[in-house]
Amino acid sequence: RPGIDGVYLQFGGASSTFLPQVWESLPDPATFLAELKRKAGLPGTFW
């Protein structure tokens, strides 16, 4: 839910989070999720 959700990502020993305020600069969900993965040290296309 853009603009509403903060998101926390976990994979193995990697984790990252974006507060809901980050949607202001990353409004597209695909871009938001890709950058969250990069923040955790994962490739943006990783799943």
All heavy atoms as atom14 arrays in JSON, in Angstrom:
{
  "sequence": "RPGIDGVYLQFGGASSTFLPQVWESLPDPATFLAELKRKAGLPGTFW",
  "atom14_mask": [
    [1, 1, 1, 1, 1, 1, 1, 1, 1, 1, 1, 0, 0, 0],
    [1, 1, 1, 1, 1, 1, 1, 0, 0, 0, 0, 0, 0, 0],
    [1, 1, 1, 1, 0, 0, 0, 0, 0, 0, 0, 0, 0, 0],
    [1, 1, 1, 1, 1, 1, 1, 1, 0, 0, 0, 0, 0, 0],
    [1, 1, 1, 1, 1, 1, 1, 1, 0, 0, 0, 0, 0, 0],
    [1, 1, 1, 1, 0, 0, 0, 0, 0, 0, 0, 0, 0, 0],
    [1, 1, 1, 1, 1, 1, 1, 0, 0, 0, 0, 0, 0, 0],
    [1, 1, 1, 1, 1, 1, 1, 1, 1, 1, 1, 1, 0, 0],
    [1, 1, 1, 1, 1, 1, 1, 1, 0, 0, 0, 0, 0, 0],
    [1, 1, 1, 1, 1, 1, 1, 1, 1, 0, 0, 0, 0, 0],
    [1, 1, 1, 1, 1, 1, 1, 1, 1, 1, 1, 0, 0, 0],
    [1, 1, 1, 1, 0, 0, 0, 0, 0, 0, 0, 0, 0, 0],
    [1, 1, 1, 1, 0, 0, 0, 0, 0, 0, 0, 0, 0, 0],
    [1, 1, 1, 1, 1, 0, 0, 0, 0, 0, 0, 0, 0, 0],
    [1, 1, 1, 1, 1, 1, 0, 0, 0, 0, 0, 0, 0, 0],
    [1, 1, 1, 1, 1, 1, 0, 0, 0, 0, 0, 0, 0, 0],
    [1, 1, 1, 1, 1, 1, 1, 0, 0, 0, 0, 0, 0, 0],
    [1, 1, 1, 1, 1, 1, 1, 1, 1, 1, 1, 0, 0, 0],
    [1, 1, 1, 1, 1, 1, 1, 1, 0, 0, 0, 0, 0, 0],
    [1, 1, 1, 1, 1, 1, 1, 0, 0, 0, 0, 0, 0, 0],
    [1, 1, 1, 1, 1, 1, 1, 1, 1, 0, 0, 0, 0, 0],
    [1, 1, 1, 1, 1, 1, 1, 0, 0, 0, 0, 0, 0, 0],
    [1, 1, 1, 1, 1, 1, 1, 1, 1, 1, 1, 1, 1, 1],
    [1, 1, 1, 1, 1, 1, 1, 1, 1, 0, 0, 0, 0, 0],
    [1, 1, 1, 1, 1, 1, 0, 0, 0, 0, 0, 0, 0, 0],
    [1, 1, 1, 1, 1, 1, 1, 1, 0, 0, 0, 0, 0, 0],
    [1, 1, 1, 1, 1, 1, 1, 0, 0, 0, 0, 0, 0, 0],
    [1, 1, 1, 1, 1, 1, 1, 1, 0, 0, 0, 0, 0, 0],
    [1, 1, 1, 1, 1, 1, 1, 0, 0, 0, 0, 0, 0, 0],
    [1, 1, 1, 1, 1, 0, 0, 0, 0, 0, 0, 0, 0, 0],
    [1, 1, 1, 1, 1, 1, 1, 0, 0, 0, 0, 0, 0, 0],
    [1, 1, 1, 1, 1, 1, 1, 1, 1, 1, 1, 0, 0, 0],
    [1, 1, 1, 1, 1, 1, 1, 1, 0, 0, 0, 0, 0, 0],
    [1, 1, 1, 1, 1, 0, 0, 0, 0, 0, 0, 0, 0, 0],
    [1, 1, 1, 1, 1, 1, 1, 1, 1, 0, 0, 0, 0, 0],
    [1, 1, 1, 1, 1, 1, 1, 1, 0, 0, 0, 0, 0, 0],
    [1, 1, 1, 1, 1, 1, 1, 1, 1, 0, 0, 0, 0, 0],
    [1, 1, 1, 1, 1, 1, 1, 1, 1, 1, 1, 0, 0, 0],
    [1, 1, 1, 1, 1, 1, 1, 1, 1, 0, 0, 0, 0, 0],
    [1, 1, 1, 1, 1, 0, 0, 0, 0, 0, 0, 0, 0, 0],
    [1, 1, 1, 1, 0, 0, 0, 0, 0, 0, 0, 0, 0, 0],
    [1, 1, 1, 1, 1, 1, 1, 1, 0, 0, 0, 0, 0, 0],
    [1, 1, 1, 1, 1, 1, 1, 0, 0, 0, 0, 0, 0, 0],
    [1, 1, 1, 1, 0, 0, 0, 0, 0, 0, 0, 0, 0, 0],
    [1, 1, 1, 1, 1, 1, 1, 0, 0, 0, 0, 0, 0, 0],
    [1, 1, 1, 1, 1, 1, 1, 1, 1, 1, 1, 0, 0, 0],
    [1, 1, 1, 1, 1, 1, 1, 1, 1, 1, 1, 1, 1, 1]
  ],
  "atom14_positions": [
    [[0.86, -1.19, 0.0], [0.0, 0.0, 0.0], [0.9, 1.24, 0.0], [1.34, 1.69, 1.06], [-0.91, -0.01, 1.23], [-1.82, -1.25, 1.28], [-2.6, -1.32, 2.56], [-1.7, -1.4, 3.71], [-2.09, -1.45, 4.97], [-3.38, -1.44, 5.27], [-1.21, -1.52, 5.95], [0.0, 0.0, 0.0], [0.0, 0.0, 0.0], [0.0, 0.0, 0.0]],
    [[1.18, 1.78, -1.21], [2.05, 2.96, -1.3], [1.55, 4.11, -0.41], [0.36, 4.4, -0.35], [1.99, 3.34, -2.78], [1.68, 2.05, -3.47], [0.74, 1.32, -2.52], [0.0, 0.0, 0.0], [0.0, 0.0, 0.0], [0.0, 0.0, 0.0], [0.0, 0.0, 0.0], [0.0, 0.0, 0.0], [0.0, 0.0, 0.0], [0.0, 0.0, 0.0]],
    [[2.51, 4.71, 0.29], [2.2, 5.83, 1.16], [1.69, 5.43, 2.53], [1.56, 6.27, 3.41], [0.0, 0.0, 0.0], [0.0, 0.0, 0.0], [0.0, 0.0, 0.0], [0.0, 0.0, 0.0], [0.0, 0.0, 0.0], [0.0, 0.0, 0.0], [0.0, 0.0, 0.0], [0.0, 0.0, 0.0], [0.0, 0.0, 0.0], [0.0, 0.0, 0.0]],
    [[1.38, 4.16, 2.71], [0.83, 3.68, 3.99], [1.8, 2.72, 4.69], [2.07, 2.85, 5.87], [-0.53, 2.96, 3.77], [-1.54, 3.95, 3.19], [-1.03, 2.34, 5.07], [-2.82, 3.3, 2.73], [0.0, 0.0, 0.0], [0.0, 0.0, 0.0], [0.0, 0.0, 0.0], [0.0, 0.0, 0.0], [0.0, 0.0, 0.0], [0.0, 0.0, 0.0]],
    [[2.3, 1.76, 3.92], [3.11, 0.69, 4.5], [4.58, 1.05, 4.65], [5.21, 1.52, 3.71], [3.06, -0.57, 3.62], [1.71, -1.24, 3.62], [0.97, -1.09, 4.61], [1.39, -1.92, 2.62], [0.0, 0.0, 0.0], [0.0, 0.0, 0.0], [0.0, 0.0, 0.0], [0.0, 0.0, 0.0], [0.0, 0.0, 0.0], [0.0, 0.0, 0.0]],
    [[5.11, 0.78, 5.83], [6.54, 0.6, 6.0], [6.78, -0.87, 5.7], [5.9, -1.7, 5.96], [0.0, 0.0, 0.0], [0.0, 0.0, 0.0], [0.0, 0.0, 0.0], [0.0, 0.0, 0.0], [0.0, 0.0, 0.0], [0.0, 0.0, 0.0], [0.0, 0.0, 0.0], [0.0, 0.0, 0.0], [0.0, 0.0, 0.0], [0.0, 0.0, 0.0]],
    [[7.92, -1.21, 5.12], [8.16, -2.6, 4.74], [9.49, -3.06, 5.32], [10.49, -2.34, 5.27], [8.16, -2.75, 3.21], [8.38, -4.2, 2.8], [6.84, -2.24, 2.61], [0.0, 0.0, 0.0], [0.0, 0.0, 0.0], [0.0, 0.0, 0.0], [0.0, 0.0, 0.0], [0.0, 0.0, 0.0], [0.0, 0.0, 0.0], [0.0, 0.0, 0.0]],
    [[9.46, -4.27, 5.87], [10.65, -4.9, 6.44], [10.92, -6.16, 5.63], [10.03, -6.97, 5.42], [10.4, -5.25, 7.91], [11.57, -5.87, 8.61], [12.73, -5.15, 8.86], [11.52, -7.19, 9.05], [13.81, -5.72, 9.52], [12.58, -7.77, 9.72], [13.73, -7.03, 9.94], [14.79, -7.61, 10.6], [0.0, 0.0, 0.0], [0.0, 0.0, 0.0]],
    [[12.16, -6.31, 5.17], [12.58, -7.45, 4.35], [13.59, -8.27, 5.12], [14.5, -7.7, 5.74], [13.19, -6.92, 3.05], [13.78, -7.92, 2.07], [13.6, -7.41, 0.66], [15.23, -8.22, 2.35], [0.0, 0.0, 0.0], [0.0, 0.0, 0.0], [0.0, 0.0, 0.0], [0.0, 0.0, 0.0], [0.0, 0.0, 0.0], [0.0, 0.0, 0.0]],
    [[13.45, -9.59, 5.04], [14.42, -10.51, 5.65], [14.72, -11.63, 4.66], [13.8, -12.19, 4.06], [13.86, -11.16, 6.92], [13.67, -10.24, 8.08], [13.02, -10.98, 9.22], [11.83, -11.26, 9.19], [13.8, -11.31, 10.25], [0.0, 0.0, 0.0], [0.0, 0.0, 0.0], [0.0, 0.0, 0.0], [0.0, 0.0, 0.0], [0.0, 0.0, 0.0]],
    [[15.99, -11.93, 4.53], [16.4, -13.1, 3.76], [17.74, -13.56, 4.32], [18.72, -12.82, 4.29], [16.53, -12.81, 2.27], [16.98, -14.01, 1.49], [16.13, -15.07, 1.26], [18.29, -14.11, 1.04], [16.54, -16.2, 0.59], [18.73, -15.23, 0.36], [17.85, -16.28, 0.13], [0.0, 0.0, 0.0], [0.0, 0.0, 0.0], [0.0, 0.0, 0.0]],
    [[17.78, -14.79, 4.83], [19.02, -15.27, 5.46], [19.42, -14.31, 6.56], [18.61, -13.92, 7.39], [0.0, 0.0, 0.0], [0.0, 0.0, 0.0], [0.0, 0.0, 0.0], [0.0, 0.0, 0.0], [0.0, 0.0, 0.0], [0.0, 0.0, 0.0], [0.0, 0.0, 0.0], [0.0, 0.0, 0.0], [0.0, 0.0, 0.0], [0.0, 0.0, 0.0]],
    [[20.65, -13.86, 6.54], [21.13, -12.9, 7.52], [20.94, -11.45, 7.1], [21.33, -10.54, 7.83], [0.0, 0.0, 0.0], [0.0, 0.0, 0.0], [0.0, 0.0, 0.0], [0.0, 0.0, 0.0], [0.0, 0.0, 0.0], [0.0, 0.0, 0.0], [0.0, 0.0, 0.0], [0.0, 0.0, 0.0], [0.0, 0.0, 0.0], [0.0, 0.0, 0.0]],
    [[20.35, -11.22, 5.94], [20.16, -9.86, 5.43], [18.78, -9.33, 5.8], [17.8, -10.08, 5.83], [20.31, -9.85, 3.91], [0.0, 0.0, 0.0], [0.0, 0.0, 0.0], [0.0, 0.0, 0.0], [0.0, 0.0, 0.0], [0.0, 0.0, 0.0], [0.0, 0.0, 0.0], [0.0, 0.0, 0.0], [0.0, 0.0, 0.0], [0.0, 0.0, 0.0]],
    [[18.72, -8.04, 6.11], [17.43, -7.41, 6.38], [17.54, -5.93, 6.06], [18.63, -5.35, 6.02], [17.01, -7.61, 7.83], [17.88, -6.92, 8.7], [0.0, 0.0, 0.0], [0.0, 0.0, 0.0], [0.0, 0.0, 0.0], [0.0, 0.0, 0.0], [0.0, 0.0, 0.0], [0.0, 0.0, 0.0], [0.0, 0.0, 0.0], [0.0, 0.0, 0.0]],
    [[16.39, -5.33, 5.82], [16.33, -3.88, 5.6], [14.89, -3.43, 5.81], [13.96, -4.25, 5.8], [16.8, -3.51, 4.19], [15.97, -4.1, 3.21], [0.0, 0.0, 0.0], [0.0, 0.0, 0.0], [0.0, 0.0, 0.0], [0.0, 0.0, 0.0], [0.0, 0.0, 0.0], [0.0, 0.0, 0.0], [0.0, 0.0, 0.0], [0.0, 0.0, 0.0]],
    [[14.72, -2.15, 5.99], [13.38, -1.59, 6.12], [13.33, -0.21, 5.48], [14.35, 0.49, 5.41], [12.92, -1.52, 7.59], [11.52, -1.27, 7.63], [13.66, -0.46, 8.38], [0.0, 0.0, 0.0], [0.0, 0.0, 0.0], [0.0, 0.0, 0.0], [0.0, 0.0, 0.0], [0.0, 0.0, 0.0], [0.0, 0.0, 0.0], [0.0, 0.0, 0.0]],
    [[12.16, 0.13, 5.01], [11.85, 1.5, 4.57], [10.61, 1.93, 5.34], [9.61, 1.21, 5.37], [11.53, 1.57, 3.08], [12.72, 1.62, 2.16], [12.6, 1.14, 0.87], [13.94, 2.16, 2.55], [13.67, 1.2, -0.02], [15.02, 2.22, 1.68], [14.88, 1.74, 0.39], [0.0, 0.0, 0.0], [0.0, 0.0, 0.0], [0.0, 0.0, 0.0]],
    [[10.68, 3.1, 5.95], [9.51, 3.7, 6.58], [8.51, 4.1, 5.5], [8.89, 4.29, 4.33], [9.93, 4.95, 7.37], [10.86, 4.73, 8.56], [11.36, 6.06, 9.09], [10.17, 3.94, 9.64], [0.0, 0.0, 0.0], [0.0, 0.0, 0.0], [0.0, 0.0, 0.0], [0.0, 0.0, 0.0], [0.0, 0.0, 0.0], [0.0, 0.0, 0.0]],
    [[7.24, 4.27, 5.85], [6.26, 4.7, 4.86], [6.63, 6.02, 4.16], [6.26, 6.23, 3.01], [4.97, 4.86, 5.67], [5.15, 4.03, 6.88], [6.63, 4.02, 7.15], [0.0, 0.0, 0.0], [0.0, 0.0, 0.0], [0.0, 0.0, 0.0], [0.0, 0.0, 0.0], [0.0, 0.0, 0.0], [0.0, 0.0, 0.0], [0.0, 0.0, 0.0]],
    [[7.39, 6.87, 4.84], [7.78, 8.15, 4.26], [8.63, 7.98, 3.0], [8.71, 8.87, 2.16], [8.57, 8.98, 5.28], [7.78, 9.38, 6.51], [7.82, 8.38, 7.66], [7.53, 7.2, 7.48], [8.14, 8.84, 8.87], [0.0, 0.0, 0.0], [0.0, 0.0, 0.0], [0.0, 0.0, 0.0], [0.0, 0.0, 0.0], [0.0, 0.0, 0.0]],
    [[9.28, 6.82, 2.83], [10.13, 6.58, 1.66], [9.31, 6.54, 0.38], [9.81, 6.82, -0.71], [10.98, 5.31, 1.86], [11.79, 4.95, 0.62], [11.92, 5.49, 3.05], [0.0, 0.0, 0.0], [0.0, 0.0, 0.0], [0.0, 0.0, 0.0], [0.0, 0.0, 0.0], [0.0, 0.0, 0.0], [0.0, 0.0, 0.0], [0.0, 0.0, 0.0]],
    [[8.01, 6.23, 0.49], [7.16, 6.25, -0.7], [7.16, 7.62, -1.38], [6.92, 7.71, -2.59], [5.72, 5.86, -0.34], [5.53, 4.42, 0.0], [5.37, 3.88, 1.25], [5.47, 3.31, -0.91], [5.22, 2.51, 1.17], [5.28, 2.14, -0.15], [5.58, 3.2, -2.29], [5.16, 0.88, -0.72], [5.46, 1.94, -2.86], [5.25, 0.8, -2.08]],
    [[7.42, 8.69, -0.62], [7.45, 10.04, -1.21], [8.52, 10.15, -2.28], [8.35, 10.84, -3.27], [7.68, 11.08, -0.11], [6.53, 11.18, 0.87], [6.85, 12.0, 2.1], [7.86, 12.76, 2.09], [6.1, 11.9, 3.08], [0.0, 0.0, 0.0], [0.0, 0.0, 0.0], [0.0, 0.0, 0.0], [0.0, 0.0, 0.0], [0.0, 0.0, 0.0]],
    [[9.66, 9.46, -2.09], [10.73, 9.52, -3.08], [10.76, 8.3, -3.99], [11.4, 8.33, -5.04], [12.09, 9.71, -2.4], [12.33, 8.67, -1.5], [0.0, 0.0, 0.0], [0.0, 0.0, 0.0], [0.0, 0.0, 0.0], [0.0, 0.0, 0.0], [0.0, 0.0, 0.0], [0.0, 0.0, 0.0], [0.0, 0.0, 0.0], [0.0, 0.0, 0.0]],
    [[10.07, 7.22, -3.6], [10.01, 5.99, -4.42], [8.54, 5.55, -4.53], [8.13, 4.56, -3.93], [10.83, 4.87, -3.78], [12.33, 5.1, -3.61], [12.95, 3.99, -2.77], [13.0, 5.18, -4.97], [0.0, 0.0, 0.0], [0.0, 0.0, 0.0], [0.0, 0.0, 0.0], [0.0, 0.0, 0.0], [0.0, 0.0, 0.0], [0.0, 0.0, 0.0]],
    [[7.71, 6.28, -5.3], [6.27, 6.01, -5.31], [5.85, 4.74, -6.06], [4.74, 4.25, -5.86], [5.68, 7.25, -5.97], [6.78, 7.8, -6.8], [8.06, 7.47, -6.07], [0.0, 0.0, 0.0], [0.0, 0.0, 0.0], [0.0, 0.0, 0.0], [0.0, 0.0, 0.0], [0.0, 0.0, 0.0], [0.0, 0.0, 0.0], [0.0, 0.0, 0.0]],
    [[6.71, 4.21, -6.92], [6.38, 3.02, -7.69], [6.7, 1.77, -6.85], [7.84, 1.6, -6.41], [7.18, 3.0, -8.99], [7.01, 1.7, -9.74], [5.87, 1.41, -10.16], [8.02, 0.97, -9.9], [0.0, 0.0, 0.0], [0.0, 0.0, 0.0], [0.0, 0.0, 0.0], [0.0, 0.0, 0.0], [0.0, 0.0, 0.0], [0.0, 0.0, 0.0]],
    [[5.72, 0.88, -6.62], [5.97, -0.3, -5.78], [7.15, -1.16, -6.26], [7.92, -1.65, -5.43], [4.65, -1.07, -5.84], [3.63, -0.01, -6.06], [4.3, 0.97, -6.99], [0.0, 0.0, 0.0], [0.0, 0.0, 0.0], [0.0, 0.0, 0.0], [0.0, 0.0, 0.0], [0.0, 0.0, 0.0], [0.0, 0.0, 0.0], [0.0, 0.0, 0.0]],
    [[7.31, -1.35, -7.57], [8.42, -2.18, -8.06], [9.76, -1.53, -7.74], [10.71, -2.21, -7.32], [8.27, -2.41, -9.57], [0.0, 0.0, 0.0], [0.0, 0.0, 0.0], [0.0, 0.0, 0.0], [0.0, 0.0, 0.0], [0.0, 0.0, 0.0], [0.0, 0.0, 0.0], [0.0, 0.0, 0.0], [0.0, 0.0, 0.0], [0.0, 0.0, 0.0]],
    [[9.86, -0.23, -7.9], [11.1, 0.48, -7.58], [11.35, 0.47, -6.07], [12.47, 0.26, -5.62], [11.04, 1.93, -8.11], [10.76, 1.9, -9.51], [12.34, 2.67, -7.86], [0.0, 0.0, 0.0], [0.0, 0.0, 0.0], [0.0, 0.0, 0.0], [0.0, 0.0, 0.0], [0.0, 0.0, 0.0], [0.0, 0.0, 0.0], [0.0, 0.0, 0.0]],
    [[10.3, 0.7, -5.3], [10.39, 0.68, -3.83], [10.96, -0.66, -3.37], [11.92, -0.71, -2.59], [8.99, 0.92, -3.27], [8.9, 1.01, -1.77], [8.91, 2.24, -1.14], [8.74, -0.13, -0.98], [8.8, 2.34, 0.25], [8.64, -0.05, 0.39], [8.66, 1.19, 1.01], [0.0, 0.0, 0.0], [0.0, 0.0, 0.0], [0.0, 0.0, 0.0]],
    [[10.39, -1.76, -3.88], [10.83, -3.09, -3.46], [12.25, -3.39, -3.94], [13.06, -3.94, -3.19], [9.85, -4.15, -3.97], [10.06, -5.56, -3.45], [10.09, -5.62, -1.92], [8.96, -6.48, -3.99], [0.0, 0.0, 0.0], [0.0, 0.0, 0.0], [0.0, 0.0, 0.0], [0.0, 0.0, 0.0], [0.0, 0.0, 0.0], [0.0, 0.0, 0.0]],
    [[12.59, -2.97, -5.16], [13.94, -3.19, -5.68], [14.97, -2.46, -4.82], [16.03, -3.01, -4.48], [14.04, -2.74, -7.14], [0.0, 0.0, 0.0], [0.0, 0.0, 0.0], [0.0, 0.0, 0.0], [0.0, 0.0, 0.0], [0.0, 0.0, 0.0], [0.0, 0.0, 0.0], [0.0, 0.0, 0.0], [0.0, 0.0, 0.0], [0.0, 0.0, 0.0]],
    [[14.67, -1.23, -4.43], [15.61, -0.45, -3.6], [15.69, -1.03, -2.19], [16.76, -1.0, -1.57], [15.2, 1.02, -3.56], [15.4, 1.74, -4.88], [16.83, 1.67, -5.39], [17.78, 1.88, -4.59], [17.02, 1.41, -6.6], [0.0, 0.0, 0.0], [0.0, 0.0, 0.0], [0.0, 0.0, 0.0], [0.0, 0.0, 0.0], [0.0, 0.0, 0.0]],
    [[14.6, -1.57, -1.68], [14.62, -2.21, -0.37], [15.53, -3.43, -0.4], [16.3, -3.67, 0.54], [13.2, -2.6, 0.05], [13.04, -3.22, 1.44], [13.45, -2.23, 2.53], [11.59, -3.67, 1.63], [0.0, 0.0, 0.0], [0.0, 0.0, 0.0], [0.0, 0.0, 0.0], [0.0, 0.0, 0.0], [0.0, 0.0, 0.0], [0.0, 0.0, 0.0]],
    [[15.48, -4.19, -1.48], [16.36, -5.35, -1.64], [17.82, -4.9, -1.73], [18.7, -5.49, -1.09], [15.97, -6.16, -2.88], [14.66, -6.92, -2.71], [14.39, -7.79, -3.9], [13.27, -7.22, -4.73], [12.96, -8.06, -5.9], [0.0, 0.0, 0.0], [0.0, 0.0, 0.0], [0.0, 0.0, 0.0], [0.0, 0.0, 0.0], [0.0, 0.0, 0.0]],
    [[18.07, -3.85, -2.49], [19.45, -3.33, -2.6], [19.97, -2.87, -1.24], [21.13, -3.08, -0.91], [19.51, -2.19, -3.62], [19.44, -2.66, -5.04], [19.67, -1.5, -6.04], [19.39, -1.95, -7.38], [18.24, -1.74, -8.03], [17.25, -1.07, -7.44], [18.06, -2.2, -9.25], [0.0, 0.0, 0.0], [0.0, 0.0, 0.0], [0.0, 0.0, 0.0]],
    [[19.11, -2.24, -0.47], [19.51, -1.78, 0.86], [19.94, -2.96, 1.73], [20.83, -2.82, 2.57], [18.35, -1.02, 1.52], [18.69, -0.43, 2.87], [17.52, 0.34, 3.45], [17.88, 0.9, 4.82], [16.73, 1.54, 5.47], [0.0, 0.0, 0.0], [0.0, 0.0, 0.0], [0.0, 0.0, 0.0], [0.0, 0.0, 0.0], [0.0, 0.0, 0.0]],
    [[19.33, -4.13, 1.51], [19.69, -5.34, 2.27], [20.91, -6.03, 1.68], [21.34, -7.07, 2.19], [18.51, -6.31, 2.28], [0.0, 0.0, 0.0], [0.0, 0.0, 0.0], [0.0, 0.0, 0.0], [0.0, 0.0, 0.0], [0.0, 0.0, 0.0], [0.0, 0.0, 0.0], [0.0, 0.0, 0.0], [0.0, 0.0, 0.0], [0.0, 0.0, 0.0]],
    [[21.47, -5.48, 0.59], [22.65, -6.07, -0.02], [22.32, -7.13, -1.07], [23.2, -7.89, -1.48], [0.0, 0.0, 0.0], [0.0, 0.0, 0.0], [0.0, 0.0, 0.0], [0.0, 0.0, 0.0], [0.0, 0.0, 0.0], [0.0, 0.0, 0.0], [0.0, 0.0, 0.0], [0.0, 0.0, 0.0], [0.0, 0.0, 0.0], [0.0, 0.0, 0.0]],
    [[21.09, -7.15, -1.5], [20.64, -8.12, -2.51], [20.45, -7.41, -3.85], [20.2, -6.2, -3.88], [19.3, -8.73, -2.08], [19.27, -9.42, -0.72], [17.84, -9.72, -0.29], [20.1, -10.7, -0.76], [0.0, 0.0, 0.0], [0.0, 0.0, 0.0], [0.0, 0.0, 0.0], [0.0, 0.0, 0.0], [0.0, 0.0, 0.0], [0.0, 0.0, 0.0]],
    [[20.52, -8.14, -4.95], [20.22, -7.51, -6.25], [18.75, -7.04, -6.28], [17.87, -7.68, -5.69], [20.45, -8.63, -7.27], [21.29, -9.64, -6.56], [20.95, -9.52, -5.09], [0.0, 0.0, 0.0], [0.0, 0.0, 0.0], [0.0, 0.0, 0.0], [0.0, 0.0, 0.0], [0.0, 0.0, 0.0], [0.0, 0.0, 0.0], [0.0, 0.0, 0.0]],
    [[18.49, -5.95, -6.98], [17.14, -5.41, -7.07], [16.15, -6.36, -7.71], [14.94, -6.29, -7.45], [0.0, 0.0, 0.0], [0.0, 0.0, 0.0], [0.0, 0.0, 0.0], [0.0, 0.0, 0.0], [0.0, 0.0, 0.0], [0.0, 0.0, 0.0], [0.0, 0.0, 0.0], [0.0, 0.0, 0.0], [0.0, 0.0, 0.0], [0.0, 0.0, 0.0]],
    [[16.63, -7.28, -8.53], [15.74, -8.24, -9.21], [15.62, -9.56, -8.45], [14.92, -10.46, -8.89], [16.28, -8.54, -10.62], [17.62, -9.04, -10.51], [16.25, -7.29, -11.49], [0.0, 0.0, 0.0], [0.0, 0.0, 0.0], [0.0, 0.0, 0.0], [0.0, 0.0, 0.0], [0.0, 0.0, 0.0], [0.0, 0.0, 0.0], [0.0, 0.0, 0.0]],
    [[16.26, -9.67, -7.3], [16.29, -10.91, -6.52], [14.91, -11.3, -6.0], [14.15, -10.45, -5.54], [17.26, -10.74, -5.34], [17.36, -11.94, -4.45], [18.19, -12.99, -4.78], [16.61, -12.03, -3.28], [18.3, -14.11, -3.96], [16.7, -13.14, -2.46], [17.54, -14.18, -2.8], [0.0, 0.0, 0.0], [0.0, 0.0, 0.0], [0.0, 0.0, 0.0]],
    [[14.6, -12.59, -6.07], [13.45, -13.14, -5.35], [13.77, -14.58, -5.0], [14.42, -15.29, -5.76], [12.15, -13.1, -6.17], [10.99, -13.48, -5.27], [10.46, -14.73, -5.13], [10.3, -12.64, -4.37], [9.48, -14.72, -4.17], [9.35, -13.43, -3.69], [10.39, -11.29, -4.04], [8.49, -12.93, -2.72], [9.53, -10.79, -3.09], [8.59, -11.59, -2.44]]
  ]
}
